[in-house]
Amino acid sequence: MPIPHSHARQGGGAAVEFGIVLALLVTLLAGIFGFGRAFWYYDALNKATRDAARNMSVKAKASIASQGVVAAKQTVVDAAISAGISDFTTANVTVTCLDASFSDSNCTDGTAPGGIRVEVVNYTLSVGQYLPFVIGAATTYATPLAPRTTMRYML
């Protein structure tokens, strides 16, 4: 009776094919998840720098250095934590006042800057820890996220 024997071989072949397809599918889904998270974090940080720069661009010049810089950094950190970026601190945010020609200068209370720049610095996201079956490649890739926003001072 060769018929039952051939069905067993076909069942084993189907299991091997299923295993190969499943491995590829899991790898693809893990890649989508990992890179989607990176895009989510970058977008959240980009929006946070824009909000912080917008808020600081209308801050009274009397307290721009003493209160404005601190508030701008905290705005970015709060938005990052809200987006699920748990290891983000004010040390990852730089706020720079710009002079009338948009060159870097110091923020000084009582002096109106020409512009404001808020940027994320020294923040690296690890991408790839969810990618199984990648042989011969690094297990994770360090991706620096460094969005920044520059705005003219409005007051």
Protein backbone atom coordinates (compact mmCIF):
# COMPACT_ATOMS: atom_id res chain seq x y z
CA MET A 1 0.00 0.00 0.00
CA PRO A 2 2.12 2.92 -1.21
CA ILE A 3 -0.62 5.57 -0.88
CA PRO A 4 -0.46 6.10 2.93
CA HIS A 5 3.34 6.23 2.71
CA SER A 6 3.28 9.04 0.10
CA HIS A 7 0.81 11.04 2.23
CA ALA A 8 3.25 10.93 5.12
CA ARG A 9 6.01 12.31 2.90
CA GLN A 10 3.76 15.11 1.66
CA GLY A 11 2.83 15.99 5.24
CA GLY A 12 6.49 16.24 6.20
CA GLY A 13 7.22 18.43 3.18
CA ALA A 14 4.35 20.71 4.10
CA ALA A 15 5.71 21.03 7.64
CA VAL A 16 9.15 22.01 6.32
CA GLU A 17 7.61 24.56 3.94
CA PHE A 18 5.47 25.94 6.76
CA GLY A 19 8.56 26.29 8.97
CA ILE A 20 10.45 28.22 6.30
CA VAL A 21 7.51 30.52 5.57
CA LEU A 22 6.86 31.05 9.28
CA ALA A 23 10.50 32.00 9.91
CA LEU A 24 10.39 34.55 7.09
CA LEU A 25 7.04 35.93 8.24
CA VAL A 26 8.18 36.33 11.85
CA THR A 27 11.37 38.08 10.69
CA LEU A 28 9.37 40.42 8.47
CA LEU A 29 6.89 41.26 11.22
CA ALA A 30 9.70 41.85 13.73
CA GLY A 31 11.39 44.22 11.27
CA ILE A 32 8.16 46.12 10.73
CA PHE A 33 7.68 46.40 14.48
CA GLY A 34 11.27 47.55 15.14
CA PHE A 35 11.43 50.16 12.41
CA GLY A 36 7.89 51.31 13.13
CA ARG A 37 8.96 51.98 16.71
CA ALA A 38 11.95 53.99 15.47
CA PHE A 39 9.71 56.12 13.22
CA TRP A 40 7.22 56.58 16.08
CA TYR A 41 9.97 57.80 18.43
CA TYR A 42 11.50 60.12 15.83
CA ASP A 43 8.11 61.66 15.03
CA ALA A 44 7.31 62.15 18.72
CA LEU A 45 10.68 63.81 19.35
CA ASN A 46 10.33 65.99 16.24
CA LYS A 47 6.91 67.22 17.39
CA ALA A 48 8.28 67.79 20.89
CA THR A 49 11.15 69.98 19.64
CA ARG A 50 8.69 71.95 17.52
CA ASP A 51 6.35 72.51 20.48
CA ALA A 52 9.22 73.53 22.75
CA ALA A 53 10.63 75.97 20.17
CA ARG A 54 7.17 77.44 19.55
CA ASN A 55 6.59 77.95 23.28
CA MET A 56 10.00 79.49 23.77
CA SER A 57 9.64 81.80 20.76
CA VAL A 58 6.82 83.63 22.56
CA LYS A 59 8.38 83.55 26.04
CA ALA A 60 8.95 86.97 27.61
CA LYS A 61 12.55 88.06 27.10
CA ALA A 62 12.80 88.99 30.79
CA SER A 63 12.89 85.30 31.76
CA ILE A 64 13.96 83.57 28.56
CA ALA A 65 17.16 82.08 30.02
CA SER A 66 16.06 81.38 33.58
CA GLN A 67 12.62 79.95 32.86
CA GLY A 68 12.29 79.49 29.09
CA VAL A 69 15.21 77.10 28.57
CA VAL A 70 14.18 74.89 31.50
CA ALA A 71 10.54 74.84 30.34
CA ALA A 72 11.55 74.00 26.76
CA LYS A 73 13.69 71.06 27.88
CA GLN A 74 10.93 69.78 30.14
CA THR A 75 8.39 70.05 27.29
CA VAL A 76 10.51 67.72 25.16
CA VAL A 77 11.07 65.26 28.02
CA ASP A 78 7.36 65.17 28.89
CA ALA A 79 6.43 64.49 25.26
CA ALA A 80 9.07 61.76 25.01
CA ILE A 81 7.84 60.01 28.13
CA SER A 82 4.25 60.36 26.89
CA ALA A 83 5.29 58.61 23.64
CA GLY A 84 6.82 55.72 25.60
CA ILE A 85 10.48 56.75 25.43
CA SER A 86 11.37 55.92 29.01
CA ASP A 87 15.14 56.52 28.99
CA PHE A 88 14.96 60.14 27.79
CA THR A 89 16.13 63.01 30.06
CA THR A 90 16.77 66.75 29.91
CA ALA A 91 20.42 65.91 29.20
CA ASN A 92 19.21 64.76 25.75
CA VAL A 93 17.85 68.23 24.91
CA THR A 94 19.80 71.32 23.89
CA VAL A 95 18.22 74.77 23.68
CA THR A 96 20.21 77.44 21.87
CA CYS A 97 19.36 81.11 21.42
CA LEU A 98 20.36 82.59 18.08
CA ASP A 99 21.36 86.17 17.31
CA ALA A 100 19.84 88.33 14.56
CA SER A 101 21.91 86.56 11.87
CA PHE A 102 20.87 83.16 13.29
CA SER A 103 24.33 82.36 14.64
CA ASP A 104 24.61 80.60 17.98
CA SER A 105 24.60 82.86 21.02
CA ASN A 106 23.81 82.58 24.71
CA CYS A 107 20.34 82.91 26.12
CA THR A 108 20.30 85.91 28.44
CA ASP A 109 17.40 87.20 30.51
CA GLY A 110 16.31 90.61 29.25
CA THR A 111 17.82 90.17 25.76
CA ALA A 112 15.58 89.14 22.89
CA PRO A 113 17.19 86.49 20.70
CA GLY A 114 16.79 86.45 16.93
CA GLY A 115 15.71 82.83 17.03
CA ILE A 116 15.49 79.65 19.08
CA ARG A 117 16.82 76.17 18.29
CA VAL A 118 15.69 73.10 20.23
CA GLU A 119 17.37 69.81 19.39
CA VAL A 120 17.68 66.27 20.65
CA VAL A 121 21.30 65.24 21.25
CA ASN A 122 23.06 62.04 22.32
CA TYR A 123 20.00 59.84 22.03
CA THR A 124 20.46 56.49 20.34
CA LEU A 125 17.70 53.99 19.73
CA SER A 126 18.54 50.32 19.49
CA VAL A 127 16.78 48.74 16.50
CA GLY A 128 16.87 45.06 15.67
CA GLN A 129 16.61 43.30 19.00
CA TYR A 130 13.33 41.79 17.82
CA LEU A 131 14.73 40.43 14.54
CA PRO A 132 15.23 36.70 14.95
CA PHE A 133 17.00 34.44 12.49
CA VAL A 134 19.36 37.11 11.13
CA ILE A 135 22.56 35.14 10.82
CA GLY A 136 25.88 36.90 10.44
CA ALA A 137 24.47 40.35 11.24
CA ALA A 138 24.69 42.47 14.34
CA THR A 139 21.92 41.68 16.79
CA THR A 140 21.05 45.36 17.16
CA TYR A 141 21.75 48.52 15.25
CA ALA A 142 22.32 51.83 17.04
CA THR A 143 20.24 54.49 15.34
CA PRO A 144 20.83 58.07 16.48
CA LEU A 145 17.67 60.14 16.69
CA ALA A 146 18.48 63.85 16.42
CA PRO A 147 15.49 65.94 15.35
CA ARG A 148 15.75 69.71 15.73
CA THR A 149 13.60 72.76 15.22
CA THR A 150 14.66 76.35 14.64
CA MET A 151 12.17 79.23 14.95
CA ARG A 152 12.34 82.99 14.86
CA TYR A 153 11.76 84.74 18.21
CA MET A 154 8.35 86.44 17.95
CA LEU A 155 8.21 89.05 20.73
